[in-house]
Amino acid sequence: MVRLALDERPRARQIAIRTHAPGTSGTYHLPDLWCLHLYRYHGELALDGEPLAIRPGCAGFTAPGVVASYAWQARSTHAYAHFALAEPAAGSFLLPLMLDLGEDFEPLFRRLEEAVTHRATQPRRAEVRLWDILWELAERAPVVGESSPLHPAVREAVRRIERRLAEPLTVAALAAEVELSHNHLLRLFRAAFGLSVVGYIRRRRAEQARHLLLHSTLPIKAIAAEVGVRDLHYFNRLLRQELGASPRAVRAAGRR
């Protein structure tokens, strides 16, 4: 297991897609950096001598200072990121070294590909993309020390919200997808977050918008669309209500 602290944006040193020739093997050691891999192949991995099987559709974590040895027989493609994180503390996340992503793998792989695209010209935007991916992976595990883990249906609804934040979302559709009634899902969200489902979606859209305003050069209209808001007047009102400031004011405050 590894413990990640995600309150602060990761500092990416490398984000890339690599394809290795058949029969490749090797060893790497990053004293101060984390490594995230998204695998599309079968292979063998050892972390400080402990063997792990690599499978398509999995995410793998390597902590700083760990010696990683790998080998695979066929042509192999993976996406990866090397990054620095704050020291783990209360509220950090405990995750397995290898995580099967199932149907979520390809959407996450594409998002890491987007981070690769942004890395050269908009490094902060790439880091925000990576941050979002790490949060989505972390939400698959309970917070360390959490006294009452999320109800499975709430965890699944949150996962779907995070994955589709840029799309239209309705409580009725989410409730149907997690096989609960509208009112039952609402009660569970209020118990978990002190918010309605709509309130939670609003808060997450505002938080994501704040990340993009502070750490990217995207125009405000593009940021609004990125978080699922097509109406700029509504976007302005949303941020004033959730963050206490207009989009321009949020961005300006981050530049002081």
Protein backbone atom coordinates (compact mmCIF):
# COMPACT_ATOMS: atom_id res chain seq x y z
CA MET A 1 0.00 0.00 0.00
CA VAL A 2 1.03 3.63 -0.55
CA ARG A 3 -0.17 6.79 1.18
CA LEU A 4 -0.83 9.92 -0.90
CA ALA A 5 -1.41 13.48 0.30
CA LEU A 6 -3.37 15.45 -2.30
CA ASP A 7 -4.22 18.74 -0.59
CA GLU A 8 -1.52 20.42 -2.68
CA ARG A 9 -1.01 20.28 -6.45
CA PRO A 10 1.60 17.70 -7.52
CA ARG A 11 4.79 19.08 -9.05
CA ALA A 12 5.29 17.10 -12.25
CA ARG A 13 8.81 16.39 -13.49
CA GLN A 14 7.75 14.21 -16.41
CA ILE A 15 4.46 13.13 -18.01
CA ALA A 16 4.73 10.97 -21.12
CA ILE A 17 3.53 8.04 -23.22
CA ARG A 18 6.08 5.32 -23.93
CA THR A 19 6.08 2.24 -26.15
CA HIS A 20 8.79 -0.33 -25.45
CA ALA A 21 10.11 -2.95 -27.84
CA PRO A 22 9.47 -6.66 -27.15
CA GLY A 23 11.75 -8.27 -24.59
CA THR A 24 12.47 -5.02 -22.71
CA SER A 25 13.61 -5.04 -19.09
CA GLY A 26 15.27 -2.57 -16.76
CA THR A 27 15.41 -0.87 -13.37
CA TYR A 28 14.66 2.66 -12.20
CA HIS A 29 15.02 4.47 -8.89
CA LEU A 30 13.56 7.94 -8.21
CA PRO A 31 14.79 9.10 -4.78
CA ASP A 32 12.41 12.05 -4.41
CA LEU A 33 9.60 11.42 -6.88
CA TRP A 34 6.42 9.39 -7.09
CA CYS A 35 5.63 7.44 -10.23
CA LEU A 36 2.18 6.66 -11.64
CA HIS A 37 1.85 4.18 -14.52
CA LEU A 38 -1.26 3.36 -16.55
CA TYR A 39 -0.59 -0.02 -18.16
CA ARG A 40 -1.89 -1.43 -21.44
CA TYR A 41 0.08 -4.68 -21.34
CA HIS A 42 1.05 -7.79 -19.40
CA GLY A 43 4.40 -7.78 -17.67
CA GLU A 44 6.35 -8.34 -14.48
CA LEU A 45 7.29 -5.74 -11.88
CA ALA A 46 9.24 -5.90 -8.63
CA LEU A 47 9.26 -3.06 -6.07
CA ASP A 48 12.21 -3.39 -3.69
CA GLY A 49 12.26 -7.05 -4.65
CA GLU A 50 8.53 -7.69 -4.04
CA PRO A 51 6.93 -9.09 -7.24
CA LEU A 52 3.76 -7.62 -8.76
CA ALA A 53 1.94 -8.68 -11.91
CA ILE A 54 1.27 -5.97 -14.51
CA ARG A 55 -2.08 -6.31 -16.24
CA PRO A 56 -3.81 -4.22 -18.94
CA GLY A 57 -6.20 -1.69 -17.44
CA CYS A 58 -4.29 -1.23 -14.19
CA ALA A 59 -2.74 1.81 -12.51
CA GLY A 60 0.48 1.28 -10.59
CA PHE A 61 2.13 3.49 -7.96
CA THR A 62 5.81 3.57 -7.05
CA ALA A 63 6.76 5.58 -3.96
CA PRO A 64 9.90 7.76 -3.77
CA GLY A 65 13.07 5.83 -3.02
CA VAL A 66 11.72 2.45 -4.13
CA VAL A 67 13.79 0.43 -6.61
CA ALA A 68 11.53 -0.80 -9.43
CA SER A 69 12.53 -3.60 -11.81
CA TYR A 70 10.37 -4.50 -14.81
CA ALA A 71 10.22 -6.92 -17.72
CA TRP A 72 7.78 -7.69 -20.55
CA GLN A 73 7.84 -9.85 -23.64
CA ALA A 74 5.53 -8.11 -26.12
CA ARG A 75 5.49 -4.57 -27.51
CA SER A 76 4.22 -2.50 -24.57
CA THR A 77 2.60 0.94 -24.25
CA HIS A 78 1.98 2.85 -21.04
CA ALA A 79 1.38 6.39 -19.84
CA TYR A 80 3.32 7.60 -16.83
CA ALA A 81 3.97 10.60 -14.61
CA HIS A 82 6.88 11.38 -12.27
CA PHE A 83 5.89 13.93 -9.64
CA ALA A 84 6.53 15.30 -6.16
CA LEU A 85 3.85 15.40 -3.44
CA ALA A 86 3.56 16.91 0.00
CA GLU A 87 4.33 14.64 2.94
CA PRO A 88 1.38 12.39 3.92
CA ALA A 89 -0.66 13.58 6.90
CA ALA A 90 -4.09 13.15 8.44
CA GLY A 91 -6.64 12.96 5.64
CA SER A 92 -4.20 11.32 3.21
CA PHE A 93 -5.27 8.35 1.11
CA LEU A 94 -4.11 4.75 1.36
CA LEU A 95 -4.05 2.96 -2.00
CA PRO A 96 -2.84 -0.42 -3.27
CA LEU A 97 0.34 -0.54 -5.33
CA MET A 98 -1.66 -1.86 -8.29
CA LEU A 99 -5.25 -0.79 -8.93
CA ASP A 100 -7.57 -2.41 -11.50
CA LEU A 101 -9.51 0.43 -13.15
CA GLY A 102 -11.92 -1.64 -15.22
CA GLU A 103 -14.05 0.48 -17.56
CA ASP A 104 -12.52 3.68 -16.16
CA PHE A 105 -9.07 2.89 -17.52
CA GLU A 106 -9.40 4.31 -21.04
CA PRO A 107 -11.01 7.63 -19.94
CA LEU A 108 -8.20 8.10 -17.40
CA PHE A 109 -5.57 7.14 -19.98
CA ARG A 110 -6.97 9.76 -22.37
CA ARG A 111 -6.86 12.39 -19.62
CA LEU A 112 -3.23 11.61 -18.92
CA GLU A 113 -2.59 11.88 -22.67
CA GLU A 114 -4.10 15.39 -22.47
CA ALA A 115 -1.65 16.21 -19.68
CA VAL A 116 1.19 15.05 -21.96
CA THR A 117 -0.07 17.46 -24.63
CA HIS A 118 -0.21 20.39 -22.19
CA ARG A 119 3.12 19.61 -20.50
CA ALA A 120 5.39 21.53 -22.90
CA THR A 121 3.39 24.76 -23.23
CA GLN A 122 1.07 24.81 -20.18
CA PRO A 123 2.84 22.88 -17.41
CA ARG A 124 0.49 24.02 -14.66
CA ARG A 125 -2.51 22.89 -16.67
CA ALA A 126 -0.82 19.51 -17.08
CA GLU A 127 -0.31 19.32 -13.32
CA VAL A 128 -3.98 20.12 -12.71
CA ARG A 129 -4.94 17.27 -15.06
CA LEU A 130 -2.60 14.95 -13.16
CA TRP A 131 -4.01 16.19 -9.84
CA ASP A 132 -7.55 15.36 -10.94
CA ILE A 133 -6.48 11.87 -12.02
CA LEU A 134 -4.79 11.25 -8.66
CA TRP A 135 -7.90 12.43 -6.82
CA GLU A 136 -10.08 10.10 -8.86
CA LEU A 137 -7.78 7.17 -8.07
CA ALA A 138 -7.64 8.16 -4.40
CA GLU A 139 -11.42 8.27 -4.11
CA ARG A 140 -11.44 4.52 -4.68
CA ALA A 141 -10.01 4.11 -1.18
CA PRO A 142 -11.18 5.45 2.22
CA VAL A 143 -9.39 8.39 3.83
CA VAL A 144 -6.80 7.22 6.35
CA GLY A 145 -8.35 7.51 9.80
CA GLU A 146 -11.83 8.11 8.38
CA SER A 147 -14.34 7.10 11.08
CA SER A 148 -17.28 6.44 8.75
CA PRO A 149 -16.33 5.43 5.18
CA LEU A 150 -18.67 6.50 2.41
CA HIS A 151 -21.67 4.35 1.59
CA PRO A 152 -20.79 2.33 -1.56
CA ALA A 153 -23.59 3.99 -3.55
CA VAL A 154 -22.33 7.45 -2.56
CA ARG A 155 -18.78 6.50 -3.50
CA GLU A 156 -20.00 5.28 -6.89
CA ALA A 157 -22.11 8.40 -7.44
CA VAL A 158 -19.11 10.60 -6.56
CA ARG A 159 -16.94 8.63 -8.98
CA ARG A 160 -19.47 9.17 -11.76
CA ILE A 161 -19.78 12.88 -10.94
CA GLU A 162 -16.00 13.34 -11.06
CA ARG A 163 -15.73 11.46 -14.35
CA ARG A 164 -18.55 13.44 -15.99
CA LEU A 165 -18.21 16.84 -14.35
CA ALA A 166 -18.10 18.56 -17.75
CA GLU A 167 -21.38 16.92 -18.82
CA PRO A 168 -25.01 17.62 -17.86
CA LEU A 169 -25.76 15.79 -14.60
CA THR A 170 -29.13 15.08 -13.01
CA VAL A 171 -29.90 13.59 -9.61
CA ALA A 172 -32.51 11.29 -11.14
CA ALA A 173 -29.98 9.79 -13.57
CA LEU A 174 -27.32 9.36 -10.87
CA ALA A 175 -29.80 7.72 -8.51
CA ALA A 176 -30.87 5.29 -11.23
CA GLU A 177 -27.25 4.44 -12.07
CA VAL A 178 -26.44 3.56 -8.44
CA GLU A 179 -29.82 1.82 -8.01
CA LEU A 180 -31.24 4.07 -5.30
CA SER A 181 -34.26 6.31 -5.13
CA HIS A 182 -33.78 10.06 -5.54
CA ASN A 183 -34.64 10.69 -1.87
CA HIS A 184 -32.40 7.90 -0.55
CA LEU A 185 -29.40 9.23 -2.47
CA LEU A 186 -30.16 12.74 -1.24
CA ARG A 187 -30.22 11.54 2.40
CA LEU A 188 -26.93 9.69 1.97
CA PHE A 189 -25.23 12.75 0.44
CA ARG A 190 -26.48 15.00 3.23
CA ALA A 191 -25.15 12.53 5.82
CA ALA A 192 -21.77 12.23 4.07
CA PHE A 193 -21.12 15.83 2.97
CA GLY A 194 -23.76 18.04 4.58
CA LEU A 195 -24.89 18.91 1.04
CA SER A 196 -27.57 17.87 -1.40
CA VAL A 197 -26.44 16.05 -4.55
CA VAL A 198 -26.90 19.26 -6.54
CA GLY A 199 -24.98 21.18 -3.87
CA TYR A 200 -22.12 18.69 -4.07
CA ILE A 201 -21.97 19.00 -7.87
CA ARG A 202 -21.97 22.80 -7.61
CA ARG A 203 -19.16 22.73 -5.07
CA ARG A 204 -17.02 20.35 -7.15
CA ARG A 205 -17.56 22.43 -10.29
CA ALA A 206 -16.51 25.56 -8.40
CA GLU A 207 -13.44 23.82 -6.95
CA GLN A 208 -12.40 22.51 -10.35
CA ALA A 209 -12.95 25.95 -11.86
CA ARG A 210 -10.76 27.50 -9.15
CA HIS A 211 -7.95 25.02 -9.96
CA LEU A 212 -8.11 25.93 -13.65
CA LEU A 213 -8.34 29.66 -12.99
CA LEU A 214 -5.27 29.56 -10.76
CA HIS A 215 -3.16 27.02 -12.60
CA SER A 216 -3.95 27.40 -16.30
CA THR A 217 -4.21 30.13 -18.91
CA LEU A 218 -7.52 28.88 -20.29
CA PRO A 219 -10.05 31.64 -21.05
CA ILE A 220 -12.86 31.92 -18.52
CA LYS A 221 -15.43 30.76 -21.10
CA ALA A 222 -13.38 27.61 -21.75
CA ILE A 223 -13.04 26.93 -18.02
CA ALA A 224 -16.80 27.25 -17.58
CA ALA A 225 -17.33 24.67 -20.33
CA GLU A 226 -14.64 22.43 -18.82
CA VAL A 227 -16.67 22.17 -15.60
CA GLY A 228 -20.01 21.67 -17.30
CA VAL A 229 -21.38 25.23 -17.28
CA ARG A 230 -22.36 26.69 -20.65
CA ASP A 231 -23.90 29.95 -19.39
CA LEU A 232 -21.28 32.54 -18.35
CA HIS A 233 -23.77 34.49 -16.24
CA TYR A 234 -24.58 31.34 -14.29
CA PHE A 235 -20.86 30.51 -14.02
CA ASN A 236 -20.17 33.94 -12.55
CA ARG A 237 -23.03 33.51 -10.06
CA LEU A 238 -21.88 29.99 -9.16
CA LEU A 239 -18.36 31.12 -8.25
CA ARG A 240 -19.63 34.13 -6.30
CA GLN A 241 -21.90 31.84 -4.27
CA GLU A 242 -19.38 29.00 -3.77
CA LEU A 243 -16.07 30.89 -3.63
CA GLY A 244 -17.17 34.39 -2.69
CA ALA A 245 -15.60 36.00 -5.77
CA SER A 246 -16.07 36.31 -9.52
CA PRO A 247 -13.94 34.21 -11.91
CA ARG A 248 -11.77 37.23 -12.76
CA ALA A 249 -11.26 38.01 -9.08
CA VAL A 250 -10.29 34.40 -8.29
CA ARG A 251 -7.70 34.44 -11.09
CA ALA A 252 -6.37 37.86 -10.10
CA ALA A 253 -5.98 36.82 -6.46
CA GLY A 254 -3.79 33.91 -7.53
CA ARG A 255 -1.40 36.24 -9.36
CA ARG A 256 -0.66 38.50 -6.40
